[in-house]
Amino acid sequence: MMDTNLQKDDLTGTIKFIPPLYKQRYQFIKDLVNKYKPKKVADLGCADCTLLWMLKFCKCIEVLAGLDIRENVMKEKMHRLSPLPADYLQPSERSLTVTLHHGSVAHKDPCMLGFDLVTCIELIEHLEAAELEKFPEVVFGFMAPAMVVISTPNSEFNPLLPGVTLFRHSDHKFEWDQAQFQSWAVAAATRYDYTVEFTGLGTPPPGTEDVGFCTQIGVFVRKYPKNGETVNSEKHTEHAYKTVFKAVYPSLKDEKYLQNAVVSEVLFGADIIKRRLLGNFKSECKEHSDGLEQKLKFQPFKYFMTCSKNLSLAETEKLAADRSMEPFIDGNTVYIPLAKIFSIPKVNQLCGTFEKLSNLIAGKVALSNDGSAVIVTIEYENEEQEN
């Protein structure tokens, strides 16, 4: 039986992979990211930035970088990497910076140091012989990420692809068979202290298994941590790339966005507590007098009292402190202790400490004089009035 991701048109002899192989390659990288959780990822030969766009949704990634020799191709699609309005309305807990560079993989630039994962998807076959010769030293020697993934066409599969004579694409400078790719990959891995494992995508039809995958893949893992002194000495290397795009996403790690989020949650939570408190008070009042609900409609402030008598401001604030977790009403004001606000799960998660909550909402939320409670004014609304 033919592989489920492979279809063959009996009339034309055309082989189609479902999903298309380029999507399978991107998914392969995404699966690796989900498994190993790299924080910094660079895509060499990023072209239209599709892989980078997919990876920006991976929550473990904090730095994304793309490099390509074709500046116009990147610029045509780079807008997809910009933050959306929703990113500002609900900032992520992680920071994310996306940068695109114009340059060649045959040149070294310190902006590519310190990455956890470097991807080279269908890239090396586009390199001239001189560029390919420098490529291992740049990627494995200089960049030296923890992991490198390289995919390239398998020339042994080409006879199964109708219309392919020499190479699959007019810009390809070469296409290797399995032995050639593995020989090159093992030599590079050995020289720069990496291990390499081979896999691929695009299973051949039954009876032709010996031709291997349509796309062959090498996954390189660095054996030892990069020597810190070497990295530092090369940080002064002259910049070879030109930055053509940079986006810094809003993040709760930024104090400004964190404060906005906390204030929003505090006000939202305080409003819910106020409504519940007033709802309970109205219910209790109705048990004592069926006519009180009608009075509340026209004289709301007069009846929104706690069981205590009218208190002075100092006495009210003392009561708020004594009732450390219980909100209460005095006149037309609801007092909600900060301890109650801090117990709201989202507020607690955002702030972490009671002190941080106090600092973030100071000057942004109405507080009692001693700062121990959020105060909310009860506004008269005749909600049932008909137009």
Protein backbone atom coordinates (compact mmCIF):
# COMPACT_ATOMS: atom_id res chain seq x y z
CA MET A 1 0.00 0.00 0.00
CA MET A 2 1.30 3.44 -0.91
CA ASP A 3 2.39 5.74 1.93
CA THR A 4 -0.49 7.88 3.21
CA ASN A 5 1.33 11.11 2.41
CA LEU A 6 2.08 10.08 -1.16
CA GLN A 7 -0.31 10.14 -4.11
CA LYS A 8 0.40 9.20 -7.69
CA ASP A 9 -1.66 10.30 -10.67
CA ASP A 10 -1.94 7.22 -12.90
CA LEU A 11 -2.49 9.34 -16.03
CA THR A 12 0.42 11.76 -15.66
CA GLY A 13 2.66 9.71 -13.39
CA THR A 14 3.03 12.77 -11.17
CA ILE A 15 3.88 12.09 -7.52
CA LYS A 16 2.27 14.40 -4.98
CA PHE A 17 2.98 14.51 -1.28
CA ILE A 18 0.18 15.41 1.11
CA PRO A 19 0.80 17.73 2.84
CA PRO A 20 3.28 19.21 0.32
CA LEU A 21 6.90 18.53 1.19
CA TYR A 22 7.68 22.16 2.01
CA LYS A 23 4.97 22.10 4.69
CA GLN A 24 6.30 18.81 6.02
CA ARG A 25 9.79 20.33 6.29
CA TYR A 26 8.44 23.27 8.29
CA GLN A 27 6.46 20.92 10.52
CA PHE A 28 9.60 18.85 11.09
CA ILE A 29 11.35 21.94 12.47
CA LYS A 30 8.33 22.95 14.54
CA ASP A 31 8.22 19.46 16.08
CA LEU A 32 11.91 19.70 16.97
CA VAL A 33 11.32 23.09 18.60
CA ASN A 34 8.40 21.73 20.63
CA LYS A 35 10.59 18.83 21.75
CA TYR A 36 13.83 20.63 22.64
CA LYS A 37 12.46 24.10 23.57
CA PRO A 38 15.23 26.30 22.13
CA LYS A 39 15.05 29.99 23.11
CA LYS A 40 17.05 31.37 20.19
CA VAL A 41 16.48 30.12 16.63
CA ALA A 42 18.02 31.31 13.36
CA ASP A 43 16.84 30.31 9.88
CA LEU A 44 19.51 30.60 7.20
CA GLY A 45 18.04 31.08 3.73
CA CYS A 46 14.76 32.25 5.26
CA ALA A 47 13.38 33.46 1.89
CA ASP A 48 9.73 34.50 2.34
CA CYS A 49 9.92 34.07 6.14
CA THR A 50 7.24 31.34 6.28
CA LEU A 51 9.19 29.18 8.73
CA LEU A 52 9.94 32.18 10.95
CA TRP A 53 6.25 33.12 10.90
CA MET A 54 5.34 29.61 12.07
CA LEU A 55 7.98 29.60 14.79
CA LYS A 56 6.95 32.95 16.28
CA PHE A 57 3.95 31.17 17.80
CA CYS A 58 6.18 28.70 19.69
CA LYS A 59 6.12 29.99 23.27
CA CYS A 60 9.61 28.78 24.15
CA ILE A 61 11.29 31.01 21.53
CA GLU A 62 12.46 34.46 22.63
CA VAL A 63 14.76 35.34 19.71
CA LEU A 64 14.15 34.64 16.02
CA ALA A 65 16.57 35.62 13.27
CA GLY A 66 16.45 35.16 9.53
CA LEU A 67 19.24 35.48 6.95
CA ASP A 68 18.95 35.53 3.18
CA ILE A 69 20.94 36.83 0.23
CA ARG A 70 17.75 37.97 -1.50
CA GLU A 71 16.74 41.15 0.27
CA ASN A 72 13.72 41.81 -1.95
CA VAL A 73 12.18 38.40 -1.16
CA MET A 74 12.42 39.02 2.57
CA LYS A 75 11.03 42.56 2.31
CA GLU A 76 8.02 41.38 0.34
CA LYS A 77 6.78 39.15 3.18
CA MET A 78 8.47 40.47 6.33
CA HIS A 79 5.34 42.36 7.42
CA ARG A 80 3.96 38.99 8.58
CA LEU A 81 6.52 39.06 11.37
CA SER A 82 5.24 42.33 12.86
CA PRO A 83 3.17 42.32 16.07
CA LEU A 84 -0.60 42.38 15.61
CA PRO A 85 -3.04 44.62 17.55
CA ALA A 86 -3.99 41.56 19.64
CA ASP A 87 -0.34 41.25 20.75
CA TYR A 88 -0.63 44.70 22.35
CA LEU A 89 -4.05 44.04 23.87
CA GLN A 90 -2.85 40.80 25.45
CA PRO A 91 0.96 40.87 25.76
CA SER A 92 2.66 37.51 26.10
CA GLU A 93 4.49 36.48 29.25
CA ARG A 94 7.61 35.79 27.15
CA SER A 95 9.70 38.35 25.31
CA LEU A 96 10.13 37.95 21.55
CA THR A 97 12.45 39.76 19.16
CA VAL A 98 12.43 38.99 15.43
CA THR A 99 15.25 40.24 13.20
CA LEU A 100 15.97 39.78 9.49
CA HIS A 101 19.44 40.17 8.00
CA HIS A 102 20.60 40.52 4.43
CA GLY A 103 23.83 38.66 3.79
CA SER A 104 25.60 35.46 2.77
CA VAL A 105 26.02 32.27 4.81
CA ALA A 106 29.64 32.31 3.62
CA HIS A 107 30.34 35.35 5.83
CA LYS A 108 30.65 35.56 9.62
CA ASP A 109 28.72 38.11 11.65
CA PRO A 110 28.58 38.26 15.48
CA CYS A 111 24.81 38.82 15.38
CA MET A 112 24.50 35.07 14.71
CA LEU A 113 26.33 33.97 17.86
CA GLY A 114 24.62 32.31 20.80
CA PHE A 115 21.77 30.50 19.03
CA ASP A 116 20.35 27.22 20.28
CA LEU A 117 19.09 26.04 16.89
CA VAL A 118 20.09 26.97 13.34
CA THR A 119 18.00 25.71 10.43
CA CYS A 120 19.14 25.44 6.80
CA ILE A 121 16.10 24.22 4.88
CA GLU A 122 16.78 23.54 1.19
CA LEU A 123 19.68 25.99 1.27
CA ILE A 124 23.02 24.33 0.59
CA GLU A 125 22.12 23.23 -2.96
CA HIS A 126 21.84 26.93 -3.89
CA LEU A 127 25.43 27.68 -2.84
CA GLU A 128 28.33 28.17 -5.22
CA ALA A 129 31.34 25.90 -4.65
CA ALA A 130 33.29 28.66 -2.86
CA GLU A 131 30.32 29.41 -0.56
CA LEU A 132 29.76 25.74 0.21
CA GLU A 133 33.41 25.39 1.16
CA LYS A 134 33.10 28.18 3.75
CA PHE A 135 29.66 27.11 5.00
CA PRO A 136 30.78 24.49 7.62
CA GLU A 137 33.26 26.87 9.25
CA VAL A 138 30.67 29.67 9.43
CA VAL A 139 27.81 27.51 10.80
CA PHE A 140 29.55 24.83 12.86
CA GLY A 141 32.79 26.61 13.69
CA PHE A 142 31.74 30.24 14.21
CA MET A 143 28.00 30.18 15.01
CA ALA A 144 28.37 26.84 16.83
CA PRO A 145 24.71 26.45 17.89
CA ALA A 146 23.63 23.54 20.07
CA MET A 147 21.72 22.05 17.12
CA VAL A 148 21.79 22.46 13.32
CA VAL A 149 19.22 21.03 10.90
CA ILE A 150 20.10 20.81 7.20
CA SER A 151 17.73 19.54 4.54
CA THR A 152 18.54 19.10 0.84
CA PRO A 153 17.07 17.25 -2.17
CA ASN A 154 18.00 13.60 -2.61
CA SER A 155 19.06 13.19 -6.27
CA GLU A 156 18.28 9.45 -6.18
CA PHE A 157 14.58 10.32 -5.91
CA ASN A 158 14.65 12.54 -9.02
CA PRO A 159 13.86 9.79 -11.59
CA LEU A 160 10.51 9.35 -9.81
CA LEU A 161 9.65 13.01 -10.39
CA PRO A 162 8.36 13.55 -13.98
CA GLY A 163 9.86 16.57 -15.70
CA VAL A 164 13.03 16.59 -13.61
CA THR A 165 16.03 16.19 -15.91
CA LEU A 166 19.14 17.44 -14.13
CA PHE A 167 18.08 19.38 -11.00
CA ARG A 168 14.73 20.13 -9.39
CA HIS A 169 15.22 23.89 -9.57
CA SER A 170 17.06 26.06 -12.06
CA ASP A 171 18.99 27.81 -9.28
CA HIS A 172 20.38 24.60 -7.79
CA LYS A 173 24.15 24.33 -8.20
CA PHE A 174 24.20 20.62 -7.28
CA GLU A 175 22.01 17.89 -5.84
CA TRP A 176 23.56 15.09 -3.79
CA ASP A 177 22.63 11.45 -3.49
CA GLN A 178 22.42 9.89 -0.03
CA ALA A 179 26.07 8.80 0.10
CA GLN A 180 27.35 12.24 -0.96
CA PHE A 181 25.26 14.14 1.59
CA GLN A 182 26.09 11.77 4.42
CA SER A 183 29.81 11.84 3.59
CA TRP A 184 29.83 15.67 3.63
CA ALA A 185 27.75 15.83 6.81
CA VAL A 186 29.84 13.30 8.74
CA ALA A 187 33.06 15.11 7.75
CA ALA A 188 31.66 18.45 8.98
CA ALA A 189 30.32 16.91 12.19
CA THR A 190 33.61 15.21 12.97
CA ARG A 191 35.68 18.32 12.34
CA TYR A 192 33.58 20.60 14.56
CA ASP A 193 32.67 18.15 17.35
CA TYR A 194 29.07 17.43 16.42
CA THR A 195 27.12 14.21 16.12
CA VAL A 196 24.78 13.80 13.16
CA GLU A 197 21.74 11.64 12.54
CA PHE A 198 20.03 11.22 9.20
CA THR A 199 16.34 11.10 8.40
CA GLY A 200 14.09 12.50 5.71
CA LEU A 201 10.64 13.32 4.37
CA GLY A 202 8.77 12.00 1.37
CA THR A 203 8.72 8.20 1.37
CA PRO A 204 9.18 6.64 -2.11
CA PRO A 205 6.47 4.41 -3.65
CA PRO A 206 6.49 0.67 -2.79
CA GLY A 207 9.23 -1.23 -4.59
CA THR A 208 11.55 1.80 -4.79
CA GLU A 209 12.50 2.07 -1.11
CA ASP A 210 16.21 1.97 -1.92
CA VAL A 211 16.12 5.47 -3.43
CA GLY A 212 15.52 6.95 0.03
CA PHE A 213 13.50 9.99 1.08
CA CYS A 214 12.67 12.74 -1.40
CA THR A 215 14.10 15.28 1.07
CA GLN A 216 17.11 14.12 3.08
CA ILE A 217 17.80 15.68 6.46
CA GLY A 218 20.80 15.81 8.76
CA VAL A 219 20.27 16.73 12.43
CA PHE A 220 23.55 17.86 14.02
CA VAL A 221 24.00 18.13 17.80
CA ARG A 222 27.05 19.77 19.34
CA LYS A 223 28.99 17.39 21.62
CA TYR A 224 30.44 20.01 23.98
CA PRO A 225 29.43 23.51 25.12
CA LYS A 226 30.90 26.32 23.03
CA ASN A 227 34.07 27.67 24.63
CA GLY A 228 33.11 31.04 26.14
CA GLU A 229 36.50 32.60 25.44
CA THR A 230 36.22 31.76 21.76
CA VAL A 231 32.82 33.42 21.54
CA ASN A 232 34.02 36.53 23.34
CA SER A 233 37.10 36.88 21.14
CA GLU A 234 34.96 36.74 18.03
CA LYS A 235 32.34 39.25 19.20
CA HIS A 236 34.50 41.95 17.68
CA THR A 237 34.28 40.47 14.22
CA GLU A 238 33.30 43.08 11.65
CA HIS A 239 29.58 43.06 10.84
CA ALA A 240 28.95 41.48 7.45
CA TYR A 241 25.12 41.56 7.43
CA LYS A 242 22.67 44.40 7.00
CA THR A 243 19.61 44.40 9.25
CA VAL A 244 16.48 44.94 7.15
CA PHE A 245 13.79 44.27 9.75
CA LYS A 246 13.42 44.17 13.51
CA ALA A 247 10.33 43.72 15.67
CA VAL A 248 10.19 43.67 19.46
CA TYR A 249 6.92 42.17 20.65
CA PRO A 250 5.07 43.58 23.67
CA SER A 251 5.80 41.45 26.70
CA LEU A 252 4.77 41.27 30.34
CA LYS A 253 8.49 41.28 31.09
CA ASP A 254 8.36 44.95 30.10
CA GLU A 255 7.22 46.94 33.17
CA LYS A 256 4.99 49.19 31.07
CA TYR A 257 2.94 46.33 29.61
CA LEU A 258 2.91 44.48 32.92
CA GLN A 259 1.52 47.52 34.72
CA ASN A 260 -1.22 47.96 32.13
CA ALA A 261 -2.19 44.28 32.44
CA VAL A 262 -2.22 44.37 36.25
CA VAL A 263 -4.28 47.58 36.42
CA SER A 264 -6.76 46.12 33.94
CA GLU A 265 -7.13 42.89 35.97
CA VAL A 266 -7.44 44.81 39.25
CA LEU A 267 -10.20 47.07 37.91
CA PHE A 268 -11.99 44.13 36.31
CA GLY A 269 -11.75 42.06 39.48
CA ALA A 270 -12.83 44.98 41.68
CA ASP A 271 -15.89 45.56 39.49
CA ILE A 272 -16.93 41.89 39.78
CA ILE A 273 -16.49 41.97 43.58
CA LYS A 274 -18.51 45.19 43.76
CA ARG A 275 -21.37 43.73 41.72
CA ARG A 276 -21.46 40.56 43.80
CA LEU A 277 -21.41 42.55 47.01
CA LEU A 278 -24.23 44.82 45.88
CA GLY A 279 -26.20 41.87 44.59
CA ASN A 280 -25.93 40.08 47.93
CA PHE A 281 -26.84 43.26 49.80
CA LYS A 282 -29.93 43.81 47.67
CA SER A 283 -31.03 40.23 48.22
CA GLU A 284 -30.66 40.59 51.98
CA CYS A 285 -32.57 43.85 51.94
CA LYS A 286 -35.42 42.35 49.92
CA GLU A 287 -35.92 39.69 52.57
CA HIS A 288 -36.65 42.47 55.07
CA SER A 289 -38.82 44.63 52.84
CA ASP A 290 -40.43 43.95 49.50
CA GLY A 291 -40.63 47.68 48.87
CA LEU A 292 -36.96 48.42 49.45
CA GLU A 293 -35.98 47.37 45.94
CA GLN A 294 -38.16 50.17 44.54
CA LYS A 295 -36.56 52.68 46.94
CA LEU A 296 -33.10 51.57 45.92
CA LYS A 297 -33.97 52.39 42.37
CA PHE A 298 -34.36 56.08 43.14
CA GLN A 299 -32.29 56.52 46.31
CA PRO A 300 -29.46 54.03 45.92
CA PHE A 301 -26.77 55.72 47.99
CA LYS A 302 -28.88 56.05 51.11
CA TYR A 303 -29.32 52.32 51.56
CA PHE A 304 -25.91 50.96 50.55
CA MET A 305 -24.62 50.70 54.11
CA THR A 306 -22.93 47.96 56.02
CA CYS A 307 -24.48 46.65 59.18
CA SER A 308 -22.20 49.11 60.97
CA LYS A 309 -23.27 52.74 61.54
CA ASN A 310 -21.98 55.62 59.41
CA LEU A 311 -18.26 55.82 60.04
CA SER A 312 -15.65 58.52 59.79
CA LEU A 313 -13.02 58.12 57.07
CA ALA A 314 -10.41 57.01 59.63
CA GLU A 315 -12.82 54.52 61.19
CA THR A 316 -13.79 53.15 57.77
CA GLU A 317 -10.18 52.60 56.78
CA LYS A 318 -9.50 50.90 60.12
CA LEU A 319 -12.43 48.60 59.42
CA ALA A 320 -10.92 47.85 55.98
CA ALA A 321 -7.65 46.90 57.63
CA ASP A 322 -9.38 44.76 60.24
CA ARG A 323 -11.37 42.95 57.59
CA SER A 324 -8.24 42.07 55.65
CA MET A 325 -10.03 39.88 53.13
CA GLU A 326 -13.65 41.01 53.26
CA PRO A 327 -14.88 43.89 51.06
CA PHE A 328 -17.62 46.09 52.48
CA ILE A 329 -19.79 49.07 51.62
CA ASP A 330 -19.85 52.42 53.37
CA GLY A 331 -22.21 55.02 51.96
CA ASN A 332 -21.64 55.12 48.22
CA THR A 333 -18.15 53.59 48.38
CA VAL A 334 -17.04 49.97 48.17
CA TYR A 335 -13.81 49.10 49.99
CA ILE A 336 -11.97 46.05 48.63
CA PRO A 337 -8.86 45.14 50.66
CA LEU A 338 -5.72 44.66 48.58
CA ALA A 339 -5.35 41.22 50.14
CA LYS A 340 -8.63 40.29 48.45
CA ILE A 341 -7.42 41.73 45.15
CA PHE A 342 -4.11 39.88 45.46
CA SER A 343 -6.01 36.61 45.92
CA ILE A 344 -7.46 36.92 42.41
CA PRO A 345 -5.56 34.17 40.48
CA LYS A 346 -4.66 36.31 37.46
CA VAL A 347 -3.48 39.23 39.59
CA ASN A 348 -1.43 36.89 41.77
CA GLN A 349 0.12 35.27 38.70
CA LEU A 350 1.04 38.61 37.13
CA CYS A 351 2.48 40.23 40.28
CA GLY A 352 3.98 37.37 42.22
CA THR A 353 4.31 39.44 45.41
CA PHE A 354 1.95 41.70 47.35
CA GLU A 355 4.59 44.46 47.31
CA LYS A 356 4.79 44.36 43.51
CA LEU A 357 0.99 44.66 43.26
CA SER A 358 1.08 47.75 45.49
CA ASN A 359 3.85 49.34 43.44
CA LEU A 360 2.24 48.63 40.06
CA ILE A 361 -1.19 50.06 40.87
CA ALA A 362 0.05 53.10 42.83
CA GLY A 363 -1.27 56.20 41.10
CA LYS A 364 -3.24 54.11 38.60
CA VAL A 365 -6.05 52.76 40.81
CA ALA A 366 -8.07 54.64 43.46
CA LEU A 367 -6.87 53.52 46.90
CA SER A 368 -7.80 54.32 50.48
CA ASN A 369 -5.58 56.88 52.21
CA ASP A 370 -3.43 54.21 53.82
CA GLY A 371 -3.24 52.25 50.56
CA SER A 372 -4.73 49.12 52.12
CA ALA A 373 -7.83 48.88 49.92
CA VAL A 374 -9.10 49.60 46.43
CA ILE A 375 -12.06 51.97 46.56
CA VAL A 376 -14.86 51.89 44.02
CA THR A 377 -17.65 54.46 43.91
CA ILE A 378 -21.20 53.20 43.44
CA GLU A 379 -22.77 55.15 40.61
CA TYR A 380 -26.53 55.49 40.33
CA GLU A 381 -27.90 53.83 37.21
CA ASN A 382 -31.59 53.40 36.49
CA GLU A 383 -30.95 50.27 34.44
CA GLU A 384 -34.63 49.46 33.99
CA GLN A 385 -35.68 52.82 32.64
CA GLU A 386 -37.56 52.49 29.38
CA ASN A 387 -36.92 54.86 26.48
